[in-house]
């Protein structure tokens, strides 16, 4: 595609050089630039792409898109283009270069603090079960129909994302389901994409290290719904106090779901066990392999989306009954000694409350709840004491341990968590820095009827320490502690 066509969706403020030259690729990472590429210099949170323009040219970039003034000292044979905001431009440029992939498939975005991965993944699996080719962009993994493509971020950068969506469209995908993180919305990584629909799950404290205030975090999520086009749909959680705020300015058709109040899609638990639940959804009974009120909400969002995409209630519930929980989301592992462990990604105070409440409703005082949890390093420190408090409130015993310490000392993180507890609460708690040892200790403490919750990492098969990802899988460690491996 020539440069002028590539930039068709954005407003150019100045340019120097040949605007008709052919562009072989677009890149915002100078290390990935190949000969003939357009390099887009974006000012990020960690680095300023403008500093890497010389490197991009050295690797063969023939055009530069920048938000700084075009330099006097220019490299001969290079086209320089200036715009007001490259962060805003990059998604639109990528969408144009990759042939507007979201005009060729129906894209549904899921945003909120908790539940994004479960909803997006269940929708992907459900629509494949209906016989459609589908794509998935999620925290756990990206998929083009059945082909897995490893994921580094919840929502990829705009160029990677558009390339992925273009591959999905090329390979005949009719639908794509995508998690939309607050970072991605704020950084305009989804700019230029056309969504057929959007889903709001819930909003609780998270990522305040990035957004600084809860209002900023909420507004980043709301911006997604503000941008939905007429003709699309927005499905929101009526049980969340921010549910209707999300959709108050949207042009989309609004639908609601709830486990507690009047809504378009209503659900309640009839029976539940560690294996699953019997639900009433809009007056129809359905047996599912998911556990917990929070998962009723997730499944209602899935149900509503399927209906908005043209499926019947009967077909949707039939397929839903065959769906399995997502990797690392309330996964049960049974010990031969008569107790169970739950692996869950819960890494926010609210997610921990949801999971512990679900376990409490199953145990009903007939066994103890032993929770193993930690908090990530170099992230929102304010939630650490809250995590410890919620773990203590919902458990009989708590083992505070290391999560992904990243560049922090694991013991410092544990101390931040312990600082939220009073002397009485600390009587329930021990701290073991080594996560493997913490899981092993929980297994030694457990008696028949007990449930061990191992929270925080879920699907992640690693621990990130000092910038290095070391293999560590909670599932494997539990099975070893249970004598199953």
Protein backbone atom coordinates (compact mmCIF):
# COMPACT_ATOMS: atom_id res chain seq x y z
CA UNK A 1 0.00 0.00 0.00
CA UNK A 2 1.35 3.49 -0.74
CA UNK A 3 2.00 5.88 2.13
CA UNK A 4 -0.75 8.33 1.22
CA UNK A 5 -3.39 5.57 1.28
CA UNK A 6 -1.96 4.14 4.51
CA UNK A 7 -2.49 7.53 6.21
CA UNK A 8 -5.97 8.11 4.73
CA UNK A 9 -7.80 7.94 8.11
CA UNK A 10 -5.64 10.51 9.91
CA UNK A 11 -5.00 14.25 9.60
CA UNK A 12 -1.45 15.10 8.50
CA UNK A 13 -0.15 18.46 9.76
CA UNK A 14 3.14 18.48 7.80
CA UNK A 15 5.17 16.21 5.51
CA UNK A 16 8.49 16.16 3.69
CA UNK A 17 9.28 13.56 1.02
CA UNK A 18 7.47 11.18 -1.32
CA UNK A 19 3.93 10.48 -0.05
CA UNK A 20 3.26 8.02 -2.89
CA UNK A 21 6.03 5.61 -1.98
CA UNK A 22 5.10 1.97 -1.32
CA UNK A 23 5.05 0.84 2.32
CA UNK A 24 5.81 -2.82 3.03
CA UNK A 25 4.86 -2.77 6.73
CA UNK A 26 4.05 -0.59 9.74
CA UNK A 27 5.88 -0.76 13.07
CA UNK A 28 6.03 1.12 16.37
CA UNK A 29 8.87 -1.01 17.78
CA UNK A 30 12.14 0.04 16.13
CA UNK A 31 13.64 -3.41 16.79
CA UNK A 32 11.07 -5.04 14.49
CA UNK A 33 11.50 -2.62 11.56
CA UNK A 34 12.22 -4.16 8.14
CA UNK A 35 13.26 -2.47 4.86
CA UNK A 36 10.42 -0.42 3.35
CA UNK A 37 8.48 -0.04 6.63
CA UNK A 38 6.67 2.97 8.05
CA UNK A 39 7.95 3.58 11.60
CA UNK A 40 5.47 5.26 13.96
CA UNK A 41 7.16 7.10 16.84
CA UNK A 42 4.87 6.91 19.89
CA UNK A 43 5.54 8.47 23.30
CA UNK A 44 4.89 5.55 25.67
CA UNK A 45 4.91 5.23 29.45
CA UNK A 46 8.39 3.66 29.44
CA UNK A 47 10.09 5.15 26.36
CA UNK A 48 9.65 7.78 23.65
CA UNK A 49 9.65 6.30 20.14
CA UNK A 50 11.08 9.52 18.72
CA UNK A 51 14.43 8.59 20.30
CA UNK A 52 14.48 5.44 18.14
CA UNK A 53 13.90 7.09 14.75
CA UNK A 54 17.64 6.82 13.80
CA UNK A 55 17.58 3.09 14.69
CA UNK A 56 14.43 2.53 12.60
CA UNK A 57 16.03 4.27 9.60
CA UNK A 58 19.18 2.23 10.07
CA UNK A 59 17.09 -0.96 9.86
CA UNK A 60 15.43 0.17 6.62
CA UNK A 61 12.40 2.31 7.48
CA UNK A 62 11.63 4.56 4.50
CA UNK A 63 8.90 6.65 6.18
CA UNK A 64 8.52 8.12 9.67
CA UNK A 65 5.28 9.17 11.36
CA UNK A 66 5.94 11.50 14.28
CA UNK A 67 4.22 13.98 16.61
CA UNK A 68 7.32 16.16 17.09
CA UNK A 69 8.26 18.79 14.46
CA UNK A 70 9.98 17.37 11.38
CA UNK A 71 13.73 17.85 11.98
CA UNK A 72 15.92 20.17 9.90
CA UNK A 73 18.62 17.50 9.91
CA UNK A 74 16.86 14.85 7.84
CA UNK A 75 18.05 11.62 6.30
CA UNK A 76 17.96 11.75 2.49
CA UNK A 77 15.37 9.52 0.80
CA UNK A 78 13.17 9.25 3.89
CA UNK A 79 9.60 10.59 4.04
CA UNK A 80 8.76 12.39 7.28
CA UNK A 81 5.12 12.93 8.28
CA UNK A 82 3.92 14.93 11.31
CA UNK A 83 0.57 14.51 13.11
CA UNK A 84 -0.75 15.94 16.36
CA UNK A 85 -0.83 12.64 18.25
CA UNK A 86 0.84 9.43 17.06
CA UNK A 87 -0.73 7.40 19.90
CA UNK A 88 -4.14 8.32 18.49
CA UNK A 89 -2.98 7.76 14.90
CA UNK A 90 -1.33 4.35 15.19
CA UNK A 91 -4.55 2.30 15.49
CA UNK A 92 -6.17 4.09 12.54
CA UNK A 93 -3.03 3.65 10.42
CA UNK A 94 -2.77 -0.06 11.31
CA UNK A 95 -6.48 -0.63 10.59
CA UNK A 96 -6.11 1.00 7.16
CA UNK A 97 -2.87 -0.85 6.31
CA UNK A 98 -4.39 -4.24 7.20
CA UNK A 99 -7.54 -3.64 5.16
CA UNK A 100 -10.10 -2.78 7.85
CA UNK A 101 -10.40 -6.35 9.23
CA UNK A 102 -13.34 -5.52 11.54
CA UNK A 103 -15.52 -4.77 8.52
CA UNK A 104 -15.06 -8.44 7.54
CA UNK A 105 -15.93 -10.08 10.88
CA UNK A 106 -18.03 -9.28 13.95
CA UNK A 107 -15.81 -8.15 16.83
CA UNK A 108 -17.11 -8.18 20.42
CA UNK A 109 -15.09 -6.51 23.18
CA UNK A 110 -15.22 -7.36 26.90
CA UNK A 111 -14.08 -4.85 29.53
CA UNK A 112 -14.23 -4.58 33.33
CA UNK A 113 -12.00 -5.54 36.26
CA UNK A 114 -12.87 -9.23 36.61
CA UNK A 115 -14.44 -11.81 34.30
CA UNK A 116 -13.04 -10.62 30.95
CA UNK A 117 -11.09 -13.81 30.20
CA UNK A 118 -13.93 -16.15 31.17
CA UNK A 119 -16.54 -14.29 29.10
CA UNK A 120 -14.37 -13.86 25.99
CA UNK A 121 -13.13 -17.47 26.09
CA UNK A 122 -16.56 -19.03 26.71
CA UNK A 123 -18.00 -16.96 23.82
CA UNK A 124 -15.16 -18.13 21.56
CA UNK A 125 -15.72 -21.79 22.53
CA UNK A 126 -19.51 -21.42 22.28
CA UNK A 127 -19.52 -19.93 18.77
CA UNK A 128 -17.06 -22.59 17.59
CA UNK A 129 -19.47 -25.19 19.01
CA UNK A 130 -22.22 -23.50 16.95
CA UNK A 131 -20.05 -24.24 13.89
CA UNK A 132 -18.56 -20.79 13.26
CA UNK A 133 -14.90 -20.01 12.66
CA UNK A 134 -13.83 -17.62 15.43
CA UNK A 135 -10.89 -15.65 16.78
CA UNK A 136 -9.95 -14.87 20.38
CA UNK A 137 -7.72 -12.17 21.90
CA UNK A 138 -7.25 -12.90 25.60
CA UNK A 139 -4.89 -12.73 28.57
CA UNK A 140 -4.30 -16.48 28.39
CA UNK A 141 -3.79 -16.98 24.63
CA UNK A 142 -4.83 -15.66 21.23
CA UNK A 143 -6.52 -18.02 18.78
CA UNK A 144 -7.27 -17.99 15.07
CA UNK A 145 -10.01 -20.60 14.98
CA UNK A 146 -8.23 -23.58 16.59
CA UNK A 147 -4.67 -22.30 16.15
CA UNK A 148 -3.02 -20.90 19.28
CA UNK A 149 -0.88 -17.75 19.14
CA UNK A 150 0.83 -16.90 22.49
CA UNK A 151 -0.33 -13.68 24.21
CA UNK A 152 2.01 -11.21 25.94
CA UNK A 153 -0.60 -8.60 26.91
CA UNK A 154 -4.33 -8.70 27.67
CA UNK A 155 -4.82 -6.49 24.59
CA UNK A 156 -1.95 -6.39 22.04
CA UNK A 157 -0.53 -3.16 20.57
CA UNK A 158 -2.60 -1.76 17.65
CA UNK A 159 -0.32 -3.09 14.91
CA UNK A 160 -0.11 -6.63 16.33
CA UNK A 161 -3.86 -6.53 16.96
CA UNK A 162 -4.82 -5.44 13.43
CA UNK A 163 -2.41 -7.97 11.91
CA UNK A 164 -4.02 -10.69 14.05
CA UNK A 165 -7.57 -9.60 13.14
CA UNK A 166 -6.59 -9.46 9.45
CA UNK A 167 -5.32 -13.06 9.69
CA UNK A 168 -8.60 -14.07 11.33
CA UNK A 169 -10.60 -12.47 8.52
CA UNK A 170 -8.34 -14.03 5.85
CA UNK A 171 -8.83 -17.48 7.37
CA UNK A 172 -12.61 -17.13 7.31
CA UNK A 173 -13.41 -16.18 10.91
CA UNK A 174 -16.92 -14.79 11.22
CA UNK A 175 -16.55 -13.62 14.84
CA UNK A 176 -13.77 -12.43 17.13
CA UNK A 177 -13.99 -11.99 20.90
CA UNK A 178 -11.52 -9.73 22.65
CA UNK A 179 -10.61 -8.61 26.15
CA UNK A 180 -10.22 -4.83 26.25
CA UNK A 181 -8.03 -3.74 29.16
CA UNK A 182 -8.20 -0.24 30.63
CA UNK A 183 -4.57 0.31 29.54
CA UNK A 184 -5.45 -0.63 25.96
CA UNK A 185 -8.48 1.68 25.86
CA UNK A 186 -6.56 4.60 27.40
CA UNK A 187 -3.56 4.05 25.10
CA UNK A 188 -5.91 3.84 22.09
CA UNK A 189 -4.69 0.37 21.14
CA UNK A 190 -8.22 -0.41 19.90
CA UNK A 191 -8.44 2.84 17.90
CA UNK A 192 -9.83 2.38 14.38
CA UNK A 193 -11.55 -0.94 15.15
CA UNK A 194 -15.28 -1.34 14.63
CA UNK A 195 -17.02 -3.33 17.37
CA UNK A 196 -20.28 -5.21 16.79
CA UNK A 197 -20.81 -5.18 20.55
CA UNK A 198 -19.31 -4.54 23.96
CA UNK A 199 -19.73 -6.17 27.40
CA UNK A 200 -19.15 -4.58 30.82
CA UNK A 201 -18.41 -7.00 33.68
CA UNK A 202 -17.76 -4.99 36.87
CA UNK A 203 -15.47 -2.33 38.28
CA UNK A 204 -13.33 -2.62 41.40
CA UNK A 205 -9.96 -1.26 42.46
CA UNK A 206 -7.14 -2.26 40.07
CA UNK A 207 -4.31 -0.68 38.06
CA UNK A 208 -4.25 2.51 40.14
CA UNK A 209 -0.46 2.48 39.78
CA UNK A 210 -1.21 3.44 36.14
CA UNK A 211 -4.51 5.36 36.27
CA UNK A 212 -3.76 7.13 39.62
CA UNK A 213 -7.45 7.52 40.57
CA UNK A 214 -10.50 5.25 40.47
CA UNK A 215 -12.33 7.90 38.39
CA UNK A 216 -9.61 7.78 35.72
CA UNK A 217 -9.83 3.98 35.69
CA UNK A 218 -13.63 4.10 35.38
CA UNK A 219 -13.49 6.71 32.62
CA UNK A 220 -11.03 4.59 30.61
CA UNK A 221 -13.55 1.74 30.66
CA UNK A 222 -16.45 4.08 29.85
CA UNK A 223 -14.57 5.47 26.81
CA UNK A 224 -14.92 2.05 25.19
CA UNK A 225 -18.74 2.24 25.35
CA UNK A 226 -18.74 5.92 24.35
CA UNK A 227 -16.99 4.84 21.14
CA UNK A 228 -19.37 2.02 20.16
CA UNK A 229 -21.14 2.82 16.86
CA UNK A 230 -24.85 2.98 16.18
CA UNK A 231 -26.08 -0.49 15.24
CA UNK A 232 -23.84 -2.22 17.78
CA UNK A 233 -24.91 -3.50 21.22
CA UNK A 234 -23.73 -2.84 24.79
CA UNK A 235 -24.45 -5.42 27.50
CA UNK A 236 -23.90 -4.18 31.04
CA UNK A 237 -23.98 -5.60 34.57
CA UNK A 238 -26.98 -4.09 36.38
CA UNK A 239 -25.62 -5.42 39.71
CA UNK A 240 -22.55 -3.17 39.52
CA UNK A 241 -23.02 0.44 40.64
CA UNK A 242 -21.04 1.59 37.58
CA UNK A 243 -23.00 -0.60 35.17
CA UNK A 244 -25.39 2.07 33.91
CA UNK A 245 -22.72 4.81 34.04
CA UNK A 246 -20.77 2.84 31.42
CA UNK A 247 -23.59 3.00 28.88
CA UNK A 248 -25.13 6.41 29.63
CA UNK A 249 -23.54 8.05 26.56
CA UNK A 250 -23.33 5.11 24.17
CA UNK A 251 -24.93 5.03 20.72
CA UNK A 252 -25.24 1.23 21.00
CA UNK A 253 -28.41 -0.70 21.86
CA UNK A 254 -28.22 -1.34 25.63
CA UNK A 255 -29.11 -4.62 27.37
CA UNK A 256 -28.65 -5.50 31.05
CA UNK A 257 -27.98 -8.66 33.05
CA UNK A 258 -28.41 -9.37 36.77
CA UNK A 259 -28.51 -11.99 39.51
CA UNK A 260 -30.35 -9.67 41.92
CA UNK A 261 -32.59 -7.15 40.17
CA UNK A 262 -34.86 -6.70 37.15
CA UNK A 263 -32.86 -6.96 33.93
CA UNK A 264 -33.07 -8.14 30.32
CA UNK A 265 -31.16 -11.32 31.23
CA UNK A 266 -31.79 -12.67 34.74
CA UNK A 267 -30.14 -15.63 36.47
CA UNK A 268 -30.09 -17.33 39.87
CA UNK A 269 -28.49 -20.38 41.47
CA UNK A 270 -30.80 -23.33 42.22
CA UNK A 271 -28.09 -25.77 43.41
CA UNK A 272 -24.29 -25.76 43.56
CA UNK A 273 -21.34 -27.98 44.42
CA UNK A 274 -17.60 -27.99 43.77
CA UNK A 275 -18.43 -29.57 40.37
CA UNK A 276 -20.87 -26.95 39.10
CA UNK A 277 -24.31 -25.33 39.41
CA UNK A 278 -27.93 -25.73 38.42
CA UNK A 279 -29.14 -22.31 37.25
CA UNK A 280 -32.38 -20.64 36.33
CA UNK A 281 -31.72 -18.29 33.40
CA UNK A 282 -34.76 -16.36 32.18
CA UNK A 283 -37.08 -19.09 33.50
CA UNK A 284 -35.17 -22.00 31.95
CA UNK A 285 -33.11 -24.48 33.99
CA UNK A 286 -29.58 -25.27 32.88
CA UNK A 287 -26.76 -27.29 34.46
CA UNK A 288 -23.27 -25.75 34.07
CA UNK A 289 -19.75 -26.75 35.09
CA UNK A 290 -18.97 -23.33 36.57
CA UNK A 291 -19.14 -22.38 40.26
CA UNK A 292 -19.97 -19.13 42.12
CA UNK A 293 -22.32 -16.17 41.84
CA UNK A 294 -19.64 -14.22 39.96
CA UNK A 295 -19.72 -16.92 37.27
CA UNK A 296 -23.51 -16.65 37.05
CA UNK A 297 -22.90 -13.02 36.06
CA UNK A 298 -20.24 -14.06 33.55
CA UNK A 299 -22.54 -16.67 31.98
CA UNK A 300 -25.43 -14.18 31.78
CA UNK A 301 -23.15 -11.84 29.81
CA UNK A 302 -22.30 -14.74 27.48
CA UNK A 303 -25.98 -15.69 27.15
CA UNK A 304 -27.04 -12.11 26.37
CA UNK A 305 -24.29 -11.69 23.79
CA UNK A 306 -25.26 -14.90 22.00
CA UNK A 307 -28.86 -13.68 21.81
CA UNK A 308 -27.78 -10.27 20.48
CA UNK A 309 -25.74 -12.10 17.83
CA UNK A 310 -28.84 -13.98 16.69
CA UNK A 311 -28.79 -17.26 18.61
CA UNK A 312 -31.92 -18.67 20.29
CA UNK A 313 -32.17 -19.05 24.09
CA UNK A 314 -32.64 -22.83 23.74
CA UNK A 315 -29.56 -23.35 21.54
CA UNK A 316 -27.47 -21.01 23.69
CA UNK A 317 -28.29 -22.82 26.95
CA UNK A 318 -27.74 -26.24 25.33
CA UNK A 319 -24.23 -25.28 24.26
CA UNK A 320 -23.55 -23.43 27.52
CA UNK A 321 -24.21 -26.60 29.52
CA UNK A 322 -21.27 -28.31 27.75
CA UNK A 323 -18.75 -25.49 28.31
CA UNK A 324 -15.78 -25.94 30.68
CA UNK A 325 -14.22 -23.33 33.01
CA UNK A 326 -11.28 -21.38 31.59
CA UNK A 327 -7.71 -22.34 32.51
CA UNK A 328 -6.87 -20.88 35.93
CA UNK A 329 -10.40 -19.64 36.65
CA UNK A 330 -11.97 -21.55 39.58
CA UNK A 331 -10.41 -24.84 38.54
CA UNK A 332 -10.87 -27.70 41.01
CA UNK A 333 -8.18 -30.30 41.75
CA UNK A 334 -9.20 -33.25 43.95
CA UNK A 335 -6.90 -34.85 46.51
CA UNK A 336 -7.14 -38.62 47.16
CA UNK A 337 -7.30 -37.67 50.86
CA UNK A 338 -10.76 -36.11 50.55
CA UNK A 339 -10.05 -32.40 50.22
CA UNK A 340 -9.94 -30.09 47.20
CA UNK A 341 -7.90 -27.21 45.84
CA UNK A 342 -9.15 -24.35 43.68
CA UNK A 343 -6.75 -22.57 41.31
CA UNK A 344 -7.93 -19.05 40.52
CA UNK A 345 -6.43 -15.92 38.96
CA UNK A 346 -8.01 -13.70 41.67
CA UNK A 347 -5.50 -10.88 42.07
CA UNK A 348 -7.75 -8.03 43.23
CA UNK A 349 -9.55 -7.69 46.60
CA UNK A 350 -12.96 -8.00 44.92
CA UNK A 351 -11.99 -11.10 42.91
CA UNK A 352 -10.73 -12.71 46.12
CA UNK A 353 -14.06 -11.92 47.85
CA UNK A 354 -15.99 -13.45 44.93
CA UNK A 355 -14.00 -16.69 44.94
CA UNK A 356 -13.97 -17.07 48.73
CA UNK A 357 -17.72 -16.38 48.89
CA UNK A 358 -18.34 -19.08 46.28
CA UNK A 359 -16.17 -21.57 48.21
CA UNK A 360 -17.91 -20.64 51.50
CA UNK A 361 -21.34 -21.30 49.96
CA UNK A 362 -20.18 -24.77 48.89
CA UNK A 363 -18.35 -25.71 52.12
CA UNK A 364 -21.20 -24.37 54.32
CA UNK A 365 -19.07 -24.68 57.49
CA UNK A 366 -18.50 -28.44 57.00
CA UNK A 367 -14.82 -27.90 56.20
CA UNK A 368 -12.11 -25.29 56.50
CA UNK A 369 -10.98 -22.83 53.83
CA UNK A 370 -7.20 -22.44 53.55
CA UNK A 371 -6.09 -19.60 51.28
CA UNK A 372 -2.65 -19.23 49.70
CA UNK A 373 -2.21 -15.78 48.14
CA UNK A 374 0.23 -12.95 47.51
CA UNK A 375 0.40 -9.74 45.48
CA UNK A 376 2.37 -8.75 42.39
CA UNK A 377 5.45 -6.57 42.55
CA UNK A 378 5.73 -3.16 40.84
CA UNK A 379 1.95 -2.82 40.76
CA UNK A 380 -0.70 -0.97 42.81
CA UNK A 381 0.65 -1.19 46.38
CA UNK A 382 -2.58 0.14 47.88
CA UNK A 383 -4.43 -3.13 47.24
CA UNK A 384 -1.90 -5.29 49.15
CA UNK A 385 -3.30 -4.76 52.68
CA UNK A 386 -6.84 -5.06 51.24
CA UNK A 387 -5.97 -8.43 49.70
CA UNK A 388 -4.74 -9.70 53.07
CA UNK A 389 -7.85 -8.40 54.86
CA UNK A 390 -10.25 -10.08 52.42
CA UNK A 391 -8.28 -13.35 52.54
CA UNK A 392 -8.54 -13.38 56.35
CA UNK A 393 -12.26 -12.50 56.35
CA UNK A 394 -13.15 -15.33 53.98
CA UNK A 395 -10.77 -18.05 55.23
CA UNK A 396 -10.04 -20.15 58.30
CA UNK A 397 -6.29 -20.08 57.65
CA UNK A 398 -4.21 -17.89 55.33
CA UNK A 399 -0.71 -18.40 53.97
CA UNK A 400 0.69 -15.21 52.48
CA UNK A 401 3.40 -15.92 49.95
CA UNK A 402 5.19 -14.66 46.84
CA UNK A 403 3.27 -14.02 43.60
CA UNK A 404 5.19 -12.35 40.74
CA UNK A 405 7.62 -10.13 42.72
CA UNK A 406 9.08 -8.70 39.51
CA UNK A 407 11.75 -6.20 40.64
CA UNK A 408 10.63 -5.96 44.29
CA UNK A 409 11.82 -8.00 47.27
CA UNK A 410 9.08 -10.65 47.88
CA UNK A 411 9.34 -10.17 51.65
CA UNK A 412 8.65 -6.43 51.28
CA UNK A 413 5.43 -7.25 49.40
CA UNK A 414 4.41 -9.76 52.09
CA UNK A 415 5.10 -7.13 54.77
CA UNK A 416 2.87 -4.62 52.92
CA UNK A 417 0.06 -7.22 53.00
CA UNK A 418 0.58 -8.05 56.69
CA UNK A 419 0.48 -4.32 57.54
CA UNK A 420 -3.27 -4.36 56.79
CA UNK A 421 -3.99 -6.86 59.58
CA UNK A 422 -4.59 -6.33 63.30
CA UNK A 423 -3.21 -8.66 65.98
CA UNK A 424 -6.35 -10.81 66.06
CA UNK A 425 -6.36 -11.26 62.27
CA UNK A 426 -2.69 -12.21 62.29
CA UNK A 427 -3.51 -15.22 64.44
CA UNK A 428 -4.99 -16.84 61.31
CA UNK A 429 -2.00 -16.03 59.12
CA UNK A 430 1.46 -17.41 58.44
CA UNK A 431 3.83 -16.11 55.77
CA UNK A 432 6.03 -18.37 53.66
CA UNK A 433 8.04 -16.56 51.01
CA UNK A 434 8.62 -19.65 48.84
CA UNK A 435 5.37 -20.23 46.90
CA UNK A 436 6.08 -23.94 46.37
CA UNK A 437 6.59 -24.41 50.11
CA UNK A 438 3.43 -22.40 50.84
CA UNK A 439 1.31 -24.69 48.62
CA UNK A 440 2.92 -27.79 50.16
CA UNK A 441 2.20 -26.46 53.67
CA UNK A 442 -1.48 -25.83 52.79
CA UNK A 443 -1.77 -29.43 51.57
CA UNK A 444 -0.26 -30.73 54.84
CA UNK A 445 -2.72 -28.62 56.89
CA UNK A 446 -5.83 -29.75 54.95
CA UNK A 447 -8.26 -32.36 56.30
CA UNK A 448 -11.11 -34.19 54.50
CA UNK A 449 -13.82 -31.69 53.47
CA UNK A 450 -11.44 -28.72 53.41
CA UNK A 451 -10.86 -26.51 50.37
CA UNK A 452 -7.50 -24.88 49.57
CA UNK A 453 -7.66 -21.73 47.43
CA UNK A 454 -4.42 -20.97 45.57
CA UNK A 455 -5.02 -17.47 44.24
CA UNK A 456 -3.30 -14.86 42.12
CA UNK A 457 -1.59 -16.60 39.21
CA UNK A 458 -4.23 -18.88 37.68
CA UNK A 459 -3.20 -19.73 34.13
CA UNK A 460 0.34 -18.29 34.40
CA UNK A 461 3.01 -21.02 34.08
CA UNK A 462 5.77 -18.82 35.51
CA UNK A 463 7.00 -16.61 38.33
CA UNK A 464 8.54 -13.31 37.25
CA UNK A 465 11.61 -12.49 39.37
CA UNK A 466 14.08 -9.68 38.57
CA UNK A 467 12.91 -9.51 34.95
CA UNK A 468 13.19 -13.28 34.37
CA UNK A 469 10.21 -15.64 34.01
CA UNK A 470 10.96 -18.91 35.83
CA UNK A 471 8.72 -21.93 35.18
CA UNK A 472 6.16 -22.24 37.96
CA UNK A 473 2.65 -23.62 37.58
CA UNK A 474 0.20 -23.63 40.50
CA UNK A 475 -1.63 -26.64 38.99
CA UNK A 476 1.59 -28.69 38.90
CA UNK A 477 2.61 -27.67 42.42
CA UNK A 478 -0.79 -28.62 43.85
CA UNK A 479 -0.73 -32.01 42.10
CA UNK A 480 2.77 -32.68 43.44
CA UNK A 481 1.66 -31.68 46.95
CA UNK A 482 -1.37 -34.01 46.59
CA UNK A 483 0.86 -36.89 45.40
CA UNK A 484 -0.76 -36.88 41.94
CA UNK A 485 2.50 -36.22 40.06
